Amino acid sequence: MIEIHCHDCGGFISDPSQISHRLPSSLMRKSFGAIPTSALCTCTPPVVYGPPAGRSSTGFQPGLN
């Protein structure tokens, strides 16, 4: 199973349906967000930079599903 961690706090995201997917700014591409931890994420909503699973970040590439 793939573990998903919040990019704001580094906590483990137990409910992926609540994730707020955001496209990274040019500044965020230089860093990788918070260091992943074994603690649960307490952010509302959890933040992950990048498109949702199976979706392309551009309109030119088809999704994986």
N, C-alpha and C. Protein backbone atom coordinates (compact mmCIF):
# COMPACT_ATOMS: atom_id res chain seq x y z
N MET A 1 0.84 -1.18 0.00
CA MET A 1 0.00 0.00 0.00
C MET A 1 0.89 1.25 0.00
N ILE A 2 0.50 2.22 -0.78
CA ILE A 2 1.25 3.48 -0.86
C ILE A 2 0.83 4.38 0.30
N GLU A 3 1.82 4.96 0.95
CA GLU A 3 1.53 5.92 2.02
C GLU A 3 1.52 7.32 1.43
N ILE A 4 0.52 8.11 1.82
CA ILE A 4 0.42 9.49 1.34
C ILE A 4 0.60 10.41 2.54
N HIS A 5 1.52 11.36 2.41
CA HIS A 5 1.81 12.30 3.49
C HIS A 5 1.48 13.72 3.06
N CYS A 6 0.97 14.51 3.98
CA CYS A 6 0.62 15.90 3.74
C CYS A 6 1.89 16.71 3.47
N HIS A 7 1.86 17.56 2.48
CA HIS A 7 3.03 18.40 2.16
C HIS A 7 3.15 19.59 3.10
N ASP A 8 2.09 19.90 3.86
CA ASP A 8 2.17 21.01 4.82
C ASP A 8 2.75 20.58 6.15
N CYS A 9 2.25 19.46 6.72
CA CYS A 9 2.70 19.05 8.06
C CYS A 9 3.55 17.79 8.05
N GLY A 10 3.51 17.00 6.97
CA GLY A 10 4.28 15.77 6.89
C GLY A 10 3.56 14.56 7.47
N GLY A 11 2.37 14.77 8.01
CA GLY A 11 1.63 13.69 8.64
C GLY A 11 1.02 12.72 7.63
N PHE A 12 0.80 11.49 8.07
CA PHE A 12 0.18 10.45 7.25
C PHE A 12 -1.29 10.79 7.02
N ILE A 13 -1.74 10.71 5.76
CA ILE A 13 -3.13 11.01 5.41
C ILE A 13 -3.90 9.69 5.41
N SER A 14 -4.81 9.54 6.37
CA SER A 14 -5.56 8.29 6.51
C SER A 14 -6.77 8.21 5.58
N ASP A 15 -7.29 9.35 5.14
CA ASP A 15 -8.46 9.37 4.26
C ASP A 15 -8.14 10.18 3.00
N PRO A 16 -7.63 9.50 1.95
CA PRO A 16 -7.23 10.20 0.73
C PRO A 16 -8.35 10.96 0.02
N SER A 17 -9.61 10.64 0.31
CA SER A 17 -10.71 11.33 -0.37
C SER A 17 -10.82 12.79 0.06
N GLN A 18 -10.19 13.17 1.17
CA GLN A 18 -10.25 14.54 1.67
C GLN A 18 -9.09 15.42 1.20
N ILE A 19 -8.17 14.87 0.40
CA ILE A 19 -6.96 15.59 -0.02
C ILE A 19 -7.31 16.78 -0.91
N SER A 20 -6.61 17.90 -0.67
CA SER A 20 -6.69 19.07 -1.54
C SER A 20 -5.47 19.01 -2.47
N HIS A 21 -5.68 18.62 -3.73
CA HIS A 21 -4.59 18.55 -4.71
C HIS A 21 -4.35 19.94 -5.27
N ARG A 22 -3.10 20.36 -5.26
CA ARG A 22 -2.74 21.68 -5.77
C ARG A 22 -1.56 21.56 -6.72
N LEU A 23 -1.55 22.41 -7.72
CA LEU A 23 -0.39 22.46 -8.60
C LEU A 23 0.69 23.27 -7.92
N PRO A 24 1.93 22.78 -7.97
CA PRO A 24 3.01 23.49 -7.28
C PRO A 24 3.36 24.80 -7.97
N SER A 25 3.69 25.80 -7.16
CA SER A 25 4.21 27.04 -7.72
C SER A 25 5.68 26.81 -8.06
N SER A 26 6.30 27.71 -8.78
CA SER A 26 7.71 27.54 -9.13
C SER A 26 8.58 27.48 -7.88
N LEU A 27 8.16 28.16 -6.81
CA LEU A 27 8.91 28.13 -5.56
C LEU A 27 8.83 26.75 -4.92
N MET A 28 7.65 26.12 -4.95
CA MET A 28 7.47 24.81 -4.33
C MET A 28 8.22 23.72 -5.07
N ARG A 29 8.49 23.90 -6.35
CA ARG A 29 9.23 22.88 -7.10
C ARG A 29 10.66 22.75 -6.58
N LYS A 30 11.16 23.77 -5.90
CA LYS A 30 12.52 23.75 -5.39
C LYS A 30 12.60 23.02 -4.05
N SER A 31 11.47 22.86 -3.37
CA SER A 31 11.46 22.14 -2.10
C SER A 31 10.46 21.00 -2.19
N PHE A 32 10.51 20.11 -1.23
CA PHE A 32 9.66 18.93 -1.29
C PHE A 32 8.60 18.93 -0.21
N GLY A 33 8.37 20.02 0.45
CA GLY A 33 7.36 20.09 1.49
C GLY A 33 7.90 19.57 2.81
N ALA A 34 7.01 19.26 3.72
CA ALA A 34 7.39 18.80 5.05
C ALA A 34 7.97 17.39 4.97
N ILE A 35 8.83 17.07 5.93
CA ILE A 35 9.41 15.73 6.01
C ILE A 35 8.31 14.77 6.49
N PRO A 36 8.10 13.65 5.76
CA PRO A 36 7.06 12.70 6.18
C PRO A 36 7.32 12.15 7.58
N THR A 37 6.25 12.01 8.35
CA THR A 37 6.34 11.46 9.70
C THR A 37 5.33 10.33 9.83
N SER A 38 5.42 9.59 10.94
CA SER A 38 4.46 8.50 11.19
C SER A 38 3.20 9.02 11.88
N ALA A 39 3.19 10.30 12.28
CA ALA A 39 2.01 10.89 12.93
C ALA A 39 0.91 11.11 11.90
N LEU A 40 -0.32 11.15 12.35
CA LEU A 40 -1.44 11.43 11.46
C LEU A 40 -1.49 12.92 11.11
N CYS A 41 -1.90 13.22 9.90
CA CYS A 41 -2.07 14.61 9.46
C CYS A 41 -3.26 15.22 10.19
N THR A 42 -3.09 16.44 10.66
CA THR A 42 -4.17 17.15 11.34
C THR A 42 -4.65 18.36 10.54
N CYS A 43 -4.14 18.52 9.31
CA CYS A 43 -4.53 19.65 8.46
C CYS A 43 -5.94 19.42 7.90
N THR A 44 -6.67 20.51 7.71
CA THR A 44 -8.01 20.42 7.13
C THR A 44 -8.11 21.40 5.97
N PRO A 45 -8.05 20.98 4.74
CA PRO A 45 -7.81 19.63 4.25
C PRO A 45 -6.32 19.34 4.14
N PRO A 46 -5.94 18.05 4.07
CA PRO A 46 -4.53 17.70 3.82
C PRO A 46 -4.13 18.22 2.43
N VAL A 47 -2.87 18.60 2.27
CA VAL A 47 -2.41 19.18 1.01
C VAL A 47 -1.38 18.28 0.35
N VAL A 48 -1.61 17.98 -0.92
CA VAL A 48 -0.65 17.25 -1.74
C VAL A 48 -0.47 18.06 -3.01
N TYR A 49 0.77 18.36 -3.37
CA TYR A 49 1.04 19.11 -4.59
C TYR A 49 1.16 18.14 -5.75
N GLY A 50 0.36 18.36 -6.77
CA GLY A 50 0.33 17.52 -7.95
C GLY A 50 -1.08 17.10 -8.26
N PRO A 51 -1.29 16.54 -9.44
CA PRO A 51 -2.65 16.14 -9.83
C PRO A 51 -3.08 14.89 -9.06
N PRO A 52 -4.40 14.67 -8.95
CA PRO A 52 -4.88 13.44 -8.33
C PRO A 52 -4.37 12.21 -9.10
N ALA A 53 -4.35 11.07 -8.45
CA ALA A 53 -3.89 9.83 -9.09
C ALA A 53 -4.67 9.57 -10.37
N GLY A 54 -3.95 9.24 -11.43
CA GLY A 54 -4.59 8.94 -12.70
C GLY A 54 -4.89 10.15 -13.57
N ARG A 55 -4.57 11.33 -13.09
CA ARG A 55 -4.81 12.55 -13.86
C ARG A 55 -3.49 13.18 -14.27
N SER A 56 -3.48 13.78 -15.42
CA SER A 56 -2.29 14.44 -15.93
C SER A 56 -2.24 15.88 -15.42
N SER A 57 -1.03 16.41 -15.27
CA SER A 57 -0.90 17.79 -14.83
C SER A 57 -1.09 18.78 -15.97
N THR A 58 -1.09 18.29 -17.21
CA THR A 58 -1.34 19.14 -18.37
C THR A 58 -2.51 18.57 -19.15
N GLY A 59 -3.10 19.35 -19.98
CA GLY A 59 -4.22 18.89 -20.80
C GLY A 59 -3.78 18.09 -22.02
N PHE A 60 -2.48 17.97 -22.24
CA PHE A 60 -1.99 17.33 -23.45
C PHE A 60 -1.74 15.85 -23.29
N GLN A 61 -1.65 15.34 -22.06
CA GLN A 61 -1.37 13.95 -21.83
C GLN A 61 -2.61 13.26 -21.28
N PRO A 62 -2.92 12.07 -21.76
CA PRO A 62 -4.07 11.36 -21.24
C PRO A 62 -3.80 10.84 -19.85
N GLY A 63 -4.85 10.61 -19.07
CA GLY A 63 -4.71 10.04 -17.74
C GLY A 63 -4.24 8.59 -17.81
N LEU A 64 -3.83 8.04 -16.70
CA LEU A 64 -3.33 6.68 -16.66
C LEU A 64 -4.45 5.67 -16.58
N ASN A 65 -5.65 6.08 -16.20
CA ASN A 65 -6.77 5.13 -16.05
C ASN A 65 -7.55 5.01 -17.32
